[in-house]
């Protein structure tokens, strides 16, 4: 079963964030809890861990701004 990778809401007023870096490449095997990507919001950088283990399929480009809840990729 696939697991969506979403942009989380960090803080009450956060509505969007910029994806600044993928820490794994498309097609890589990832493990739950492994650092997966970095995004910036409200002038702070946040590292997000993988929510599951499997193969990473990236859907979102870096240096783009996305709304909270946007699916950035999938782990198959």
N, C-alpha and C. Protein backbone atom coordinates (compact mmCIF):
# COMPACT_ATOMS: atom_id res chain seq x y z
N UNK A 1 0.85 -1.18 0.00
CA UNK A 1 0.00 0.00 0.00
C UNK A 1 0.89 1.25 0.00
N UNK A 2 0.58 2.21 -0.83
CA UNK A 2 1.36 3.44 -0.94
C UNK A 2 1.05 4.40 0.20
N UNK A 3 2.06 5.14 0.63
CA UNK A 3 1.92 6.15 1.67
C UNK A 3 2.27 7.51 1.08
N UNK A 4 1.33 8.46 1.18
CA UNK A 4 1.59 9.81 0.68
C UNK A 4 2.55 10.55 1.59
N UNK A 5 3.41 11.34 0.98
CA UNK A 5 4.31 12.23 1.71
C UNK A 5 3.71 13.62 1.57
N UNK A 6 3.26 14.20 2.67
CA UNK A 6 2.59 15.50 2.60
C UNK A 6 3.39 16.59 3.30
N UNK A 7 3.16 17.82 2.90
CA UNK A 7 3.77 18.95 3.58
C UNK A 7 3.00 19.17 4.88
N UNK A 8 3.66 18.99 6.03
CA UNK A 8 2.96 19.10 7.31
C UNK A 8 2.76 20.55 7.74
N UNK A 9 1.83 20.74 8.64
CA UNK A 9 1.60 22.05 9.24
C UNK A 9 2.42 22.12 10.52
N UNK A 10 3.38 23.04 10.54
CA UNK A 10 4.22 23.25 11.71
C UNK A 10 3.90 24.65 12.23
N UNK A 11 3.15 24.74 13.28
CA UNK A 11 2.76 26.04 13.81
C UNK A 11 1.35 26.41 13.39
N UNK A 12 0.70 27.18 14.23
CA UNK A 12 -0.72 27.51 14.06
C UNK A 12 -0.99 28.29 12.78
N UNK A 13 -0.13 29.25 12.45
CA UNK A 13 -0.41 30.14 11.33
C UNK A 13 0.17 29.68 9.99
N UNK A 14 0.85 28.55 9.98
CA UNK A 14 1.48 28.10 8.74
C UNK A 14 0.44 27.66 7.72
N UNK A 15 0.57 28.18 6.48
CA UNK A 15 -0.34 27.78 5.42
C UNK A 15 0.40 27.24 4.20
N UNK A 16 1.73 27.51 4.12
CA UNK A 16 2.53 27.03 3.01
C UNK A 16 3.99 26.93 3.41
N UNK A 17 4.77 26.25 2.59
CA UNK A 17 6.20 26.12 2.83
C UNK A 17 6.92 25.86 1.52
N UNK A 18 8.21 26.19 1.50
CA UNK A 18 9.01 25.96 0.30
C UNK A 18 9.84 24.69 0.47
N UNK A 19 9.71 23.78 -0.48
CA UNK A 19 10.51 22.56 -0.49
C UNK A 19 11.92 22.95 -0.94
N UNK A 20 12.90 22.81 -0.06
CA UNK A 20 14.25 23.27 -0.40
C UNK A 20 15.20 22.15 -0.78
N UNK A 21 14.94 20.92 -0.30
CA UNK A 21 15.88 19.84 -0.61
C UNK A 21 15.25 18.47 -0.37
N UNK A 22 15.46 17.58 -1.30
CA UNK A 22 15.14 16.16 -1.09
C UNK A 22 16.42 15.52 -0.58
N UNK A 23 16.34 14.75 0.49
CA UNK A 23 17.50 14.09 1.08
C UNK A 23 17.67 12.67 0.56
N UNK A 24 16.77 12.25 -0.32
CA UNK A 24 16.84 10.96 -1.02
C UNK A 24 16.39 11.23 -2.46
N UNK A 25 16.79 10.38 -3.37
CA UNK A 25 16.45 10.56 -4.78
C UNK A 25 15.25 9.71 -5.18
N UNK A 26 14.61 10.10 -6.28
CA UNK A 26 13.49 9.35 -6.81
C UNK A 26 13.95 7.91 -7.10
N UNK A 27 13.20 6.94 -6.62
CA UNK A 27 13.53 5.54 -6.82
C UNK A 27 14.38 4.92 -5.72
N UNK A 28 14.86 5.76 -4.78
CA UNK A 28 15.66 5.23 -3.66
C UNK A 28 14.79 4.44 -2.69
N UNK A 29 15.40 3.45 -2.07
CA UNK A 29 14.76 2.75 -0.97
C UNK A 29 14.94 3.61 0.28
N UNK A 30 13.86 3.87 1.00
CA UNK A 30 13.91 4.65 2.23
C UNK A 30 13.34 3.84 3.37
N UNK A 31 13.74 4.22 4.59
CA UNK A 31 13.30 3.52 5.80
C UNK A 31 12.52 4.50 6.66
N UNK A 32 11.45 4.01 7.27
CA UNK A 32 10.65 4.86 8.16
C UNK A 32 11.55 5.53 9.19
N UNK A 33 11.38 6.85 9.35
CA UNK A 33 12.18 7.61 10.31
C UNK A 33 13.43 8.24 9.70
N UNK A 34 13.78 7.85 8.50
CA UNK A 34 14.95 8.41 7.81
C UNK A 34 14.64 9.84 7.37
N UNK A 35 15.57 10.79 7.55
CA UNK A 35 15.35 12.15 7.04
C UNK A 35 15.06 12.09 5.53
N UNK A 36 13.97 12.75 5.11
CA UNK A 36 13.51 12.61 3.73
C UNK A 36 13.59 13.90 2.93
N UNK A 37 13.17 15.01 3.53
CA UNK A 37 13.23 16.29 2.82
C UNK A 37 13.30 17.45 3.81
N UNK A 38 13.64 18.63 3.27
CA UNK A 38 13.73 19.85 4.07
C UNK A 38 12.81 20.89 3.44
N UNK A 39 12.04 21.57 4.28
CA UNK A 39 11.23 22.69 3.79
C UNK A 39 11.40 23.88 4.72
N UNK A 40 11.16 25.07 4.17
CA UNK A 40 11.25 26.30 4.94
C UNK A 40 9.87 26.94 5.05
N UNK A 41 9.60 27.44 6.25
CA UNK A 41 8.39 28.22 6.50
C UNK A 41 8.68 29.20 7.61
N UNK A 42 8.13 30.37 7.51
CA UNK A 42 8.33 31.39 8.55
C UNK A 42 9.81 31.55 8.91
N UNK A 43 10.66 31.48 7.92
CA UNK A 43 12.10 31.70 8.07
C UNK A 43 12.81 30.64 8.92
N UNK A 44 12.25 29.44 8.99
CA UNK A 44 12.93 28.34 9.67
C UNK A 44 12.94 27.12 8.76
N UNK A 45 14.02 26.36 8.83
CA UNK A 45 14.13 25.14 8.04
C UNK A 45 13.69 23.96 8.90
N UNK A 46 12.94 23.05 8.29
CA UNK A 46 12.42 21.89 9.01
C UNK A 46 12.73 20.63 8.22
N UNK A 47 13.35 19.66 8.90
CA UNK A 47 13.66 18.37 8.28
C UNK A 47 12.52 17.41 8.62
N UNK A 48 12.02 16.71 7.60
CA UNK A 48 10.89 15.81 7.80
C UNK A 48 11.33 14.37 7.54
N UNK A 49 10.92 13.48 8.43
CA UNK A 49 11.29 12.06 8.33
C UNK A 49 10.29 11.30 7.48
N UNK A 50 10.76 10.20 6.93
CA UNK A 50 9.92 9.33 6.12
C UNK A 50 8.83 8.70 6.99
N UNK A 51 7.57 8.74 6.53
CA UNK A 51 6.48 8.15 7.31
C UNK A 51 6.37 6.63 7.15
N UNK A 52 7.14 6.04 6.23
CA UNK A 52 7.05 4.60 5.98
C UNK A 52 8.33 4.13 5.30
N UNK A 53 8.47 2.83 5.16
CA UNK A 53 9.59 2.24 4.43
C UNK A 53 9.11 1.79 3.05
N UNK A 54 9.99 1.92 2.06
CA UNK A 54 9.64 1.50 0.71
C UNK A 54 10.45 2.27 -0.32
N UNK A 55 9.90 2.39 -1.53
CA UNK A 55 10.57 3.08 -2.63
C UNK A 55 9.98 4.48 -2.78
N UNK A 56 10.84 5.48 -2.80
CA UNK A 56 10.43 6.88 -2.91
C UNK A 56 10.10 7.24 -4.35
N UNK A 57 8.94 7.86 -4.54
CA UNK A 57 8.54 8.40 -5.83
C UNK A 57 8.25 9.89 -5.62
N UNK A 58 9.13 10.75 -6.13
CA UNK A 58 9.03 12.19 -5.94
C UNK A 58 8.06 12.79 -6.95
N UNK A 59 7.16 13.66 -6.45
CA UNK A 59 6.20 14.36 -7.31
C UNK A 59 6.42 15.87 -7.31
N UNK A 60 7.09 16.41 -6.30
CA UNK A 60 7.24 17.86 -6.15
C UNK A 60 8.68 18.30 -6.39
N UNK A 61 8.82 19.43 -7.06
CA UNK A 61 10.13 20.00 -7.36
C UNK A 61 10.64 20.86 -6.21
N UNK A 62 11.95 20.90 -6.05
CA UNK A 62 12.54 21.77 -5.03
C UNK A 62 12.47 23.22 -5.49
N UNK A 63 12.64 24.12 -4.51
CA UNK A 63 12.58 25.57 -4.71
C UNK A 63 11.20 26.04 -5.17
N UNK A 64 10.17 25.25 -4.87
CA UNK A 64 8.79 25.64 -5.14
C UNK A 64 8.04 25.74 -3.82
N UNK A 65 7.03 26.59 -3.77
CA UNK A 65 6.21 26.75 -2.57
C UNK A 65 4.92 25.95 -2.73
N UNK A 66 4.56 25.22 -1.67
CA UNK A 66 3.38 24.36 -1.68
C UNK A 66 2.51 24.65 -0.46
N UNK A 67 1.22 24.44 -0.60
CA UNK A 67 0.29 24.59 0.51
C UNK A 67 0.41 23.40 1.45
N UNK A 68 0.11 23.64 2.73
CA UNK A 68 0.07 22.57 3.72
C UNK A 68 -0.88 21.49 3.22
N UNK A 69 -0.47 20.24 3.33
CA UNK A 69 -1.30 19.12 2.90
C UNK A 69 -1.03 18.66 1.48
N UNK A 70 -0.21 19.39 0.73
CA UNK A 70 0.12 18.99 -0.64
C UNK A 70 0.91 17.70 -0.62
N UNK A 71 0.58 16.78 -1.53
CA UNK A 71 1.32 15.53 -1.66
C UNK A 71 2.61 15.81 -2.43
N UNK A 72 3.74 15.63 -1.76
CA UNK A 72 5.05 15.91 -2.35
C UNK A 72 5.64 14.68 -3.03
N UNK A 73 5.19 13.53 -2.61
CA UNK A 73 5.69 12.28 -3.16
C UNK A 73 4.93 11.11 -2.56
N UNK A 74 5.35 9.92 -2.93
CA UNK A 74 4.69 8.69 -2.46
C UNK A 74 5.78 7.68 -2.12
N UNK A 75 5.53 6.88 -1.10
CA UNK A 75 6.40 5.75 -0.78
C UNK A 75 5.59 4.49 -1.10
N UNK A 76 6.13 3.70 -2.03
CA UNK A 76 5.44 2.49 -2.48
C UNK A 76 6.00 1.27 -1.79
